[in-house]
């Protein structure tokens, strides 16, 4: 069995950063996908795949980032990288 280590504090920080930016994101990006992390402005894309690729290109595979659909009520998606 593979053990997965998840830094929940980093996830919580990224979610809080997204939530702070959500009112602004909703104005022009409703239904699009935002990617970013704490301390940085979230960038929006038309689809999840493009947002995810941007996250990996910008932050790498080992640094945490968040991809979320820009909606008033959020769905929770969790992706882990299994080695």
Protein backbone atom coordinates (compact mmCIF):
# COMPACT_ATOMS: atom_id res chain seq x y z
CA UNK A 1 0.00 0.00 0.00
CA UNK A 2 1.30 3.46 -0.91
CA UNK A 3 1.32 6.03 1.85
CA UNK A 4 0.37 9.54 0.77
CA UNK A 5 1.64 12.56 2.69
CA UNK A 6 -0.58 15.60 2.36
CA UNK A 7 0.24 18.99 3.84
CA UNK A 8 -3.23 20.05 4.98
CA UNK A 9 -2.03 23.43 6.20
CA UNK A 10 -0.83 24.27 2.70
CA UNK A 11 -4.15 23.11 1.22
CA UNK A 12 -6.06 25.21 3.76
CA UNK A 13 -3.89 28.26 2.96
CA UNK A 14 -4.47 27.84 -0.78
CA UNK A 15 -8.22 27.48 -0.28
CA UNK A 16 -8.27 30.60 1.91
CA UNK A 17 -6.34 32.52 -0.77
CA UNK A 18 -8.83 31.39 -3.42
CA UNK A 19 -11.78 32.33 -1.20
CA UNK A 20 -10.31 35.82 -0.70
CA UNK A 21 -10.02 36.33 -4.45
CA UNK A 22 -13.36 34.67 -5.33
CA UNK A 23 -15.53 37.83 -5.38
CA UNK A 24 -13.20 39.42 -7.94
CA UNK A 25 -12.84 36.19 -9.95
CA UNK A 26 -16.63 35.77 -10.16
CA UNK A 27 -17.05 39.10 -11.96
CA UNK A 28 -15.24 38.07 -15.17
CA UNK A 29 -14.46 34.37 -14.81
CA UNK A 30 -17.67 32.63 -13.70
CA UNK A 31 -17.47 28.93 -14.62
CA UNK A 32 -13.82 29.06 -15.63
CA UNK A 33 -11.00 27.33 -13.72
CA UNK A 34 -8.63 29.26 -11.48
CA UNK A 35 -5.16 28.05 -10.53
CA UNK A 36 -2.81 29.50 -7.98
CA UNK A 37 -1.65 29.35 -4.41
CA UNK A 38 -1.28 31.45 -1.29
CA UNK A 39 0.44 34.76 -1.85
CA UNK A 40 -0.19 34.84 -5.60
CA UNK A 41 -2.96 36.02 -7.86
CA UNK A 42 -5.05 33.19 -9.28
CA UNK A 43 -5.04 32.86 -13.07
CA UNK A 44 -8.13 31.62 -14.94
CA UNK A 45 -8.52 29.20 -17.84
CA UNK A 46 -11.45 27.94 -19.88
CA UNK A 47 -10.96 24.32 -18.87
CA UNK A 48 -9.58 22.24 -16.03
CA UNK A 49 -6.84 20.63 -18.11
CA UNK A 50 -5.30 23.95 -19.13
CA UNK A 51 -5.44 25.19 -15.53
CA UNK A 52 -3.80 22.01 -14.25
CA UNK A 53 -1.03 22.18 -16.87
CA UNK A 54 -0.38 25.80 -15.95
CA UNK A 55 -0.14 24.78 -12.29
CA UNK A 56 2.44 22.09 -13.01
CA UNK A 57 4.38 24.38 -15.37
CA UNK A 58 4.39 27.23 -12.83
CA UNK A 59 4.80 25.39 -9.54
CA UNK A 60 6.20 21.99 -10.46
CA UNK A 61 4.97 18.57 -9.44
CA UNK A 62 6.16 18.76 -5.84
CA UNK A 63 4.88 22.20 -4.81
CA UNK A 64 1.25 22.56 -3.85
CA UNK A 65 -1.21 24.59 -5.85
CA UNK A 66 -4.98 24.72 -6.16
CA UNK A 67 -7.26 24.40 -9.18
CA UNK A 68 -10.89 25.32 -8.59
CA UNK A 69 -13.87 26.15 -10.73
CA UNK A 70 -14.96 29.74 -10.25
CA UNK A 71 -18.44 29.30 -8.76
CA UNK A 72 -20.19 30.81 -5.74
CA UNK A 73 -20.48 27.35 -4.15
CA UNK A 74 -17.44 25.13 -4.51
CA UNK A 75 -17.13 21.47 -5.33
CA UNK A 76 -14.23 19.66 -3.70
CA UNK A 77 -11.80 17.80 -5.96
CA UNK A 78 -8.64 16.28 -4.62
CA UNK A 79 -5.85 14.99 -6.78
CA UNK A 80 -2.75 13.39 -5.40
CA UNK A 81 0.33 12.36 -7.26
CA UNK A 82 1.18 8.75 -6.64
CA UNK A 83 4.77 7.74 -7.25
